[in-house]
């Protein structure tokens, strides 16, 4: 029976330790990443609020109705501080919700659109087999536009800074590329002249780490 030389065994163990240490260091090395996502946007606003916003433009309307769902998309630029903590900046477009209401002299149609810049802290919990769960908390600097035509042709705009929270799960396709499924909530975007709305988004996306 052949025995393994202690020198060979030591060299093998040393080489393996160096490789494992290199992998661990690579995993904890801070670095930039970019991402893109798309999905659905669900708006939660009172139609009465939209009617009130149109009334502020000088037209008394009743029996309004509005869309509650549209396509959302976003872009992110992030920095991994360590495997469990990152900071993210981004842009999100929450879609355009159609609106229609009636008045004594005719109809008013329009749309409510919100978009904004985001900044958030992201905490990640690595799981097995390339999966990870994460959560985000931060702020959105939003711009909301209410555009109407027909009986009342107006464009009004509100700026607001509001909280955002998010949860997601990611899967590493390669050491650099990951896919992710994410939910985000944006609270009370808009103002008196556009009405206020909160949004929930569900999206899928890709992330590339440099």
C-alpha atoms as a PDB file:
ATOM      1  CA  UNK A   1       0.000   0.000   0.000  1.00  0.00           C
ATOM      2  CA  UNK A   2       1.442   3.325  -1.051  1.00  0.00           C
ATOM      3  CA  UNK A   3       1.574   6.153   1.487  1.00  0.00           C
ATOM      4  CA  UNK A   4       1.249   9.837   0.763  1.00  0.00           C
ATOM      5  CA  UNK A   5       4.377  11.838   1.372  1.00  0.00           C
ATOM      6  CA  UNK A   6       3.946  14.398   4.170  1.00  0.00           C
ATOM      7  CA  UNK A   7       5.456  17.017   1.878  1.00  0.00           C
ATOM      8  CA  UNK A   8       2.876  16.296  -0.828  1.00  0.00           C
ATOM      9  CA  UNK A   9       0.082  16.324   1.734  1.00  0.00           C
ATOM     10  CA  UNK A  10       1.311  19.621   3.195  1.00  0.00           C
ATOM     11  CA  UNK A  11       1.663  21.184  -0.250  1.00  0.00           C
ATOM     12  CA  UNK A  12      -1.840  20.050  -1.194  1.00  0.00           C
ATOM     13  CA  UNK A  13      -3.360  21.424   2.004  1.00  0.00           C
ATOM     14  CA  UNK A  14      -1.456  24.689   1.659  1.00  0.00           C
ATOM     15  CA  UNK A  15      -2.567  25.119  -1.943  1.00  0.00           C
ATOM     16  CA  UNK A  16      -6.169  24.389  -1.008  1.00  0.00           C
ATOM     17  CA  UNK A  17      -6.026  26.876   1.869  1.00  0.00           C
ATOM     18  CA  UNK A  18      -4.655  29.587  -0.408  1.00  0.00           C
ATOM     19  CA  UNK A  19      -7.421  28.971  -2.963  1.00  0.00           C
ATOM     20  CA  UNK A  20     -10.131  29.028  -0.306  1.00  0.00           C
ATOM     21  CA  UNK A  21      -8.719  32.213   1.176  1.00  0.00           C
ATOM     22  CA  UNK A  22      -8.625  33.816  -2.251  1.00  0.00           C
ATOM     23  CA  UNK A  23     -12.244  32.859  -2.876  1.00  0.00           C
ATOM     24  CA  UNK A  24     -13.311  34.233   0.513  1.00  0.00           C
ATOM     25  CA  UNK A  25     -11.466  37.475  -0.100  1.00  0.00           C
ATOM     26  CA  UNK A  26     -13.068  37.817  -3.537  1.00  0.00           C
ATOM     27  CA  UNK A  27     -16.499  37.285  -1.987  1.00  0.00           C
ATOM     28  CA  UNK A  28     -15.949  40.081   0.514  1.00  0.00           C
ATOM     29  CA  UNK A  29     -14.204  42.507  -1.805  1.00  0.00           C
ATOM     30  CA  UNK A  30     -16.260  45.694  -2.178  1.00  0.00           C
ATOM     31  CA  UNK A  31     -17.391  46.416  -5.701  1.00  0.00           C
ATOM     32  CA  UNK A  32     -19.804  48.182  -8.007  1.00  0.00           C
ATOM     33  CA  UNK A  33     -22.766  46.579  -9.738  1.00  0.00           C
ATOM     34  CA  UNK A  34     -25.481  47.690 -12.140  1.00  0.00           C
ATOM     35  CA  UNK A  35     -28.957  46.331 -12.658  1.00  0.00           C
ATOM     36  CA  UNK A  36     -32.098  46.644 -14.740  1.00  0.00           C
ATOM     37  CA  UNK A  37     -35.598  45.385 -14.069  1.00  0.00           C
ATOM     38  CA  UNK A  38     -39.140  45.467 -15.405  1.00  0.00           C
ATOM     39  CA  UNK A  39     -42.505  44.316 -14.111  1.00  0.00           C
ATOM     40  CA  UNK A  40     -45.919  45.540 -13.031  1.00  0.00           C
ATOM     41  CA  UNK A  41     -46.885  48.648 -11.078  1.00  0.00           C
ATOM     42  CA  UNK A  42     -50.029  48.652  -8.929  1.00  0.00           C
ATOM     43  CA  UNK A  43     -51.340  52.058  -7.879  1.00  0.00           C
ATOM     44  CA  UNK A  44     -53.337  52.595  -4.709  1.00  0.00           C
ATOM     45  CA  UNK A  45     -55.066  55.965  -4.845  1.00  0.00           C
ATOM     46  CA  UNK A  46     -58.533  57.306  -4.225  1.00  0.00           C
ATOM     47  CA  UNK A  47     -60.357  58.328  -7.385  1.00  0.00           C
ATOM     48  CA  UNK A  48     -61.928  61.074  -5.294  1.00  0.00           C
ATOM     49  CA  UNK A  49     -58.433  62.436  -4.869  1.00  0.00           C
ATOM     50  CA  UNK A  50     -57.995  62.627  -8.637  1.00  0.00           C
ATOM     51  CA  UNK A  51     -61.413  64.271  -8.971  1.00  0.00           C
ATOM     52  CA  UNK A  52     -60.336  66.787  -6.363  1.00  0.00           C
ATOM     53  CA  UNK A  53     -57.091  67.486  -8.207  1.00  0.00           C
ATOM     54  CA  UNK A  54     -59.039  68.133 -11.416  1.00  0.00           C
ATOM     55  CA  UNK A  55     -61.472  70.315  -9.468  1.00  0.00           C
ATOM     56  CA  UNK A  56     -58.473  72.370  -8.346  1.00  0.00           C
ATOM     57  CA  UNK A  57     -57.959  73.097 -12.044  1.00  0.00           C
ATOM     58  CA  UNK A  58     -61.400  74.711 -12.185  1.00  0.00           C
ATOM     59  CA  UNK A  59     -63.586  71.819 -13.397  1.00  0.00           C
ATOM     60  CA  UNK A  60     -66.051  70.099 -11.081  1.00  0.00           C
ATOM     61  CA  UNK A  61     -66.142  66.420 -12.035  1.00  0.00           C
ATOM     62  CA  UNK A  62     -67.958  63.357 -10.719  1.00  0.00           C
ATOM     63  CA  UNK A  63     -67.977  59.589 -11.229  1.00  0.00           C
ATOM     64  CA  UNK A  64     -64.288  59.376 -12.035  1.00  0.00           C
ATOM     65  CA  UNK A  65     -62.414  56.156 -12.648  1.00  0.00           C
ATOM     66  CA  UNK A  66     -58.734  55.399 -13.135  1.00  0.00           C
ATOM     67  CA  UNK A  67     -56.404  52.590 -14.049  1.00  0.00           C
ATOM     68  CA  UNK A  68     -54.691  50.731 -11.220  1.00  0.00           C
ATOM     69  CA  UNK A  69     -51.968  48.865 -13.130  1.00  0.00           C
ATOM     70  CA  UNK A  70     -49.242  49.584 -15.679  1.00  0.00           C
ATOM     71  CA  UNK A  71     -45.695  48.559 -16.573  1.00  0.00           C
ATOM     72  CA  UNK A  72     -42.862  49.618 -14.288  1.00  0.00           C
ATOM     73  CA  UNK A  73     -39.144  49.553 -14.991  1.00  0.00           C
ATOM     74  CA  UNK A  74     -35.971  50.726 -13.332  1.00  0.00           C
ATOM     75  CA  UNK A  75     -32.188  50.996 -13.358  1.00  0.00           C
ATOM     76  CA  UNK A  76     -29.824  50.649 -10.400  1.00  0.00           C
ATOM     77  CA  UNK A  77     -26.226  51.423  -9.550  1.00  0.00           C
ATOM     78  CA  UNK A  78     -25.021  49.775  -6.367  1.00  0.00           C
ATOM     79  CA  UNK A  79     -21.923  49.296  -4.236  1.00  0.00           C
ATOM     80  CA  UNK A  80     -21.304  46.152  -2.161  1.00  0.00           C
ATOM     81  CA  UNK A  81     -19.700  47.211   1.119  1.00  0.00           C
ATOM     82  CA  UNK A  82     -19.518  43.559   2.194  1.00  0.00           C
ATOM     83  CA  UNK A  83     -21.522  40.378   1.428  1.00  0.00           C
ATOM     84  CA  UNK A  84     -24.343  41.537   3.724  1.00  0.00           C
ATOM     85  CA  UNK A  85     -24.568  45.284   3.117  1.00  0.00           C
ATOM     86  CA  UNK A  86     -24.812  47.490   0.041  1.00  0.00           C
ATOM     87  CA  UNK A  87     -26.028  50.914  -0.973  1.00  0.00           C
ATOM     88  CA  UNK A  88     -28.095  51.464  -4.111  1.00  0.00           C
ATOM     89  CA  UNK A  89     -29.019  54.488  -6.197  1.00  0.00           C
ATOM     90  CA  UNK A  90     -31.483  54.182  -9.022  1.00  0.00           C
ATOM     91  CA  UNK A  91     -34.224  55.445 -11.272  1.00  0.00           C
ATOM     92  CA  UNK A  92     -37.739  53.990 -11.320  1.00  0.00           C
ATOM     93  CA  UNK A  93     -40.607  54.661 -13.702  1.00  0.00           C
ATOM     94  CA  UNK A  94     -43.915  53.620 -12.134  1.00  0.00           C
ATOM     95  CA  UNK A  95     -45.955  53.832 -15.305  1.00  0.00           C
ATOM     96  CA  UNK A  96     -48.872  55.959 -16.475  1.00  0.00           C
ATOM     97  CA  UNK A  97     -52.344  55.406 -15.005  1.00  0.00           C
ATOM     98  CA  UNK A  98     -55.234  56.465 -17.247  1.00  0.00           C
ATOM     99  CA  UNK A  99     -58.032  58.615 -15.809  1.00  0.00           C
ATOM    100  CA  UNK A 100     -61.507  59.551 -16.974  1.00  0.00           C
ATOM    101  CA  UNK A 101     -64.240  61.551 -15.282  1.00  0.00           C
ATOM    102  CA  UNK A 102     -67.513  63.223 -16.175  1.00  0.00           C
ATOM    103  CA  UNK A 103     -68.667  66.812 -15.768  1.00  0.00           C
ATOM    104  CA  UNK A 104     -71.840  68.674 -16.658  1.00  0.00           C
ATOM    105  CA  UNK A 105     -70.324  70.069 -19.847  1.00  0.00           C
ATOM    106  CA  UNK A 106     -68.406  66.974 -20.979  1.00  0.00           C
ATOM    107  CA  UNK A 107     -65.727  64.463 -20.133  1.00  0.00           C
ATOM    108  CA  UNK A 108     -62.234  64.852 -18.773  1.00  0.00           C
ATOM    109  CA  UNK A 109     -59.568  62.289 -19.654  1.00  0.00           C
ATOM    110  CA  UNK A 110     -55.961  62.159 -18.628  1.00  0.00           C
ATOM    111  CA  UNK A 111     -53.145  60.240 -16.983  1.00  0.00           C
ATOM    112  CA  UNK A 112     -51.203  60.156 -13.737  1.00  0.00           C
ATOM    113  CA  UNK A 113     -47.514  59.365 -14.063  1.00  0.00           C
ATOM    114  CA  UNK A 114     -44.894  58.969 -11.319  1.00  0.00           C
ATOM    115  CA  UNK A 115     -41.148  58.476 -11.608  1.00  0.00           C
ATOM    116  CA  UNK A 116     -38.161  59.251  -9.459  1.00  0.00           C
ATOM    117  CA  UNK A 117     -34.636  58.791  -8.192  1.00  0.00           C
ATOM    118  CA  UNK A 118     -34.049  56.379  -5.332  1.00  0.00           C
ATOM    119  CA  UNK A 119     -31.422  55.871  -2.650  1.00  0.00           C
ATOM    120  CA  UNK A 120     -31.531  52.840  -0.348  1.00  0.00           C
ATOM    121  CA  UNK A 121     -29.556  50.651   2.012  1.00  0.00           C
ATOM    122  CA  UNK A 122     -29.699  46.958   1.104  1.00  0.00           C
ATOM    123  CA  UNK A 123     -29.173  44.058   3.489  1.00  0.00           C
ATOM    124  CA  UNK A 124     -28.491  40.595   2.032  1.00  0.00           C
ATOM    125  CA  UNK A 125     -28.671  37.130   3.572  1.00  0.00           C
ATOM    126  CA  UNK A 126     -26.708  34.601   1.449  1.00  0.00           C
ATOM    127  CA  UNK A 127     -28.437  31.228   1.116  1.00  0.00           C
ATOM    128  CA  UNK A 128     -27.344  27.893  -0.337  1.00  0.00           C
ATOM    129  CA  UNK A 129     -26.674  27.070  -3.999  1.00  0.00           C
ATOM    130  CA  UNK A 130     -26.250  30.652  -5.206  1.00  0.00           C
ATOM    131  CA  UNK A 131     -29.512  31.997  -3.751  1.00  0.00           C
ATOM    132  CA  UNK A 132     -29.786  35.064  -1.522  1.00  0.00           C
ATOM    133  CA  UNK A 133     -32.605  36.971   0.145  1.00  0.00           C
ATOM    134  CA  UNK A 134     -32.457  40.735   0.627  1.00  0.00           C
ATOM    135  CA  UNK A 135     -34.358  43.733   1.906  1.00  0.00           C
ATOM    136  CA  UNK A 136     -34.125  47.448   1.158  1.00  0.00           C
ATOM    137  CA  UNK A 137     -35.127  50.650   2.910  1.00  0.00           C
ATOM    138  CA  UNK A 138     -34.634  54.159   1.609  1.00  0.00           C
ATOM    139  CA  UNK A 139     -36.177  57.191  -0.067  1.00  0.00           C
ATOM    140  CA  UNK A 140     -37.565  58.158  -3.455  1.00  0.00           C
ATOM    141  CA  UNK A 141     -37.353  61.710  -4.798  1.00  0.00           C
ATOM    142  CA  UNK A 142     -40.425  61.521  -7.027  1.00  0.00           C
ATOM    143  CA  UNK A 143     -42.013  63.625  -9.733  1.00  0.00           C
ATOM    144  CA  UNK A 144     -45.732  63.101 -10.332  1.00  0.00           C
ATOM    145  CA  UNK A 145     -47.546  64.545 -13.361  1.00  0.00           C
ATOM    146  CA  UNK A 146     -51.311  64.797 -13.850  1.00  0.00           C
ATOM    147  CA  UNK A 147     -52.200  65.534 -17.451  1.00  0.00           C
ATOM    148  CA  UNK A 148     -55.787  66.110 -18.504  1.00  0.00           C
ATOM    149  CA  UNK A 149     -57.516  66.908 -21.782  1.00  0.00           C
ATOM    150  CA  UNK A 150     -61.031  67.270 -23.110  1.00  0.00           C
ATOM    151  CA  UNK A 151     -63.094  69.663 -21.026  1.00  0.00           C
ATOM    152  CA  UNK A 152     -60.019  70.575 -18.975  1.00  0.00           C
ATOM    153  CA  UNK A 153     -56.601  70.666 -20.610  1.00  0.00           C
ATOM    154  CA  UNK A 154     -54.004  71.058 -17.891  1.00  0.00           C
ATOM    155  CA  UNK A 155     -50.615  69.713 -16.864  1.00  0.00           C
ATOM    156  CA  UNK A 156     -49.826  69.834 -13.148  1.00  0.00           C
ATOM    157  CA  UNK A 157     -46.732  68.547 -11.378  1.00  0.00           C
ATOM    158  CA  UNK A 158     -45.788  67.735  -7.805  1.00  0.00           C
ATOM    159  CA  UNK A 159     -42.430  66.814  -6.287  1.00  0.00           C
ATOM    160  CA  UNK A 160     -42.259  64.667  -3.172  1.00  0.00           C
ATOM    161  CA  UNK A 161     -39.680  62.788  -1.108  1.00  0.00           C
ATOM    162  CA  UNK A 162     -41.200  59.589   0.299  1.00  0.00           C
ATOM    163  CA  UNK A 163     -40.082  56.315   1.911  1.00  0.00           C
ATOM    164  CA  UNK A 164     -39.526  53.089   0.025  1.00  0.00           C
ATOM    165  CA  UNK A 165     -39.127  49.512   1.207  1.00  0.00           C
ATOM    166  CA  UNK A 166     -38.375  46.364  -0.756  1.00  0.00           C
ATOM    167  CA  UNK A 167     -37.852  42.620  -0.496  1.00  0.00           C
ATOM    168  CA  UNK A 168     -36.320  40.257  -3.015  1.00  0.00           C
ATOM    169  CA  UNK A 169     -34.557  37.031  -3.812  1.00  0.00           C
ATOM    170  CA  UNK A 170     -31.618  36.625  -6.202  1.00  0.00           C
ATOM    171  CA  UNK A 171     -29.830  33.735  -7.890  1.00  0.00           C
ATOM    172  CA  UNK A 172     -26.231  33.845  -9.122  1.00  0.00           C
ATOM    173  CA  UNK A 173     -26.071  32.646 -12.728  1.00  0.00           C
ATOM    174  CA  UNK A 174     -22.313  33.303 -12.737  1.00  0.00           C
ATOM    175  CA  UNK A 175     -19.960  35.029 -10.257  1.00  0.00           C
ATOM    176  CA  UNK A 176     -20.750  38.310 -12.049  1.00  0.00           C
ATOM    177  CA  UNK A 177     -24.367  37.896 -13.224  1.00  0.00           C
ATOM    178  CA  UNK A 178     -27.450  37.341 -11.076  1.00  0.00           C
ATOM    179  CA  UNK A 179     -31.170  37.299 -11.729  1.00  0.00           C
ATOM    180  CA  UNK A 180     -33.605  38.666  -9.172  1.00  0.00           C
ATOM    181  CA  UNK A 181     -37.285  38.827  -8.254  1.00  0.00           C
ATOM    182  CA  UNK A 182     -38.218  41.917  -6.267  1.00  0.00           C
ATOM    183  CA  UNK A 183     -41.156  43.689  -4.579  1.00  0.00           C
ATOM    184  CA  UNK A 184     -41.041  47.401  -3.730  1.00  0.00           C
ATOM    185  CA  UNK A 185     -43.460  49.776  -2.025  1.00  0.00           C
ATOM    186  CA  UNK A 186     -43.423  53.563  -2.548  1.00  0.00           C
ATOM    187  CA  UNK A 187     -45.604  55.638  -0.221  1.00  0.00           C
ATOM    188  CA  UNK A 188     -47.648  58.790  -0.882  1.00  0.00           C
ATOM    189  CA  UNK A 189     -46.226  60.149  -4.121  1.00  0.00           C
ATOM    190  CA  UNK A 190     -47.694  63.386  -5.456  1.00  0.00           C
ATOM    191  CA  UNK A 191     -49.605  66.220  -3.807  1.00  0.00           C
ATOM    192  CA  UNK A 192     -52.788  68.284  -3.791  1.00  0.00           C
ATOM    193  CA  UNK A 193     -52.596  69.295  -7.449  1.00  0.00           C
ATOM    194  CA  UNK A 194     -52.051  65.739  -8.729  1.00  0.00           C
ATOM    195  CA  UNK A 195     -53.541  63.613  -5.914  1.00  0.00           C
ATOM    196  CA  UNK A 196     -51.431  61.250  -3.835  1.00  0.00           C
ATOM    197  CA  UNK A 197     -50.874  57.575  -4.602  1.00  0.00           C
ATOM    198  CA  UNK A 198     -48.862  54.703  -3.194  1.00  0.00           C
ATOM    199  CA  UNK A 199     -47.371  52.101  -5.506  1.00  0.00           C
ATOM    200  CA  UNK A 200     -46.404  48.449  -5.252  1.00  0.00           C
ATOM    201  CA  UNK A 201     -44.154  46.963  -7.922  1.00  0.00           C
ATOM    202  CA  UNK A 202     -43.239  43.351  -8.673  1.00  0.00           C
ATOM    203  CA  UNK A 203     -40.356  42.975 -11.097  1.00  0.00           C
ATOM    204  CA  UNK A 204     -37.733  40.635 -12.496  1.00  0.00           C
ATOM    205  CA  UNK A 205     -34.271  41.796 -13.407  1.00  0.00           C
ATOM    206  CA  UNK A 206     -30.596  41.162 -13.968  1.00  0.00           C
ATOM    207  CA  UNK A 207     -27.616  42.409 -11.986  1.00  0.00           C
ATOM    208  CA  UNK A 208     -24.020  42.594 -13.200  1.00  0.00           C
ATOM    209  CA  UNK A 209     -21.167  42.910 -10.724  1.00  0.00           C
ATOM    210  CA  UNK A 210     -17.872  44.397 -11.880  1.00  0.00           C
END
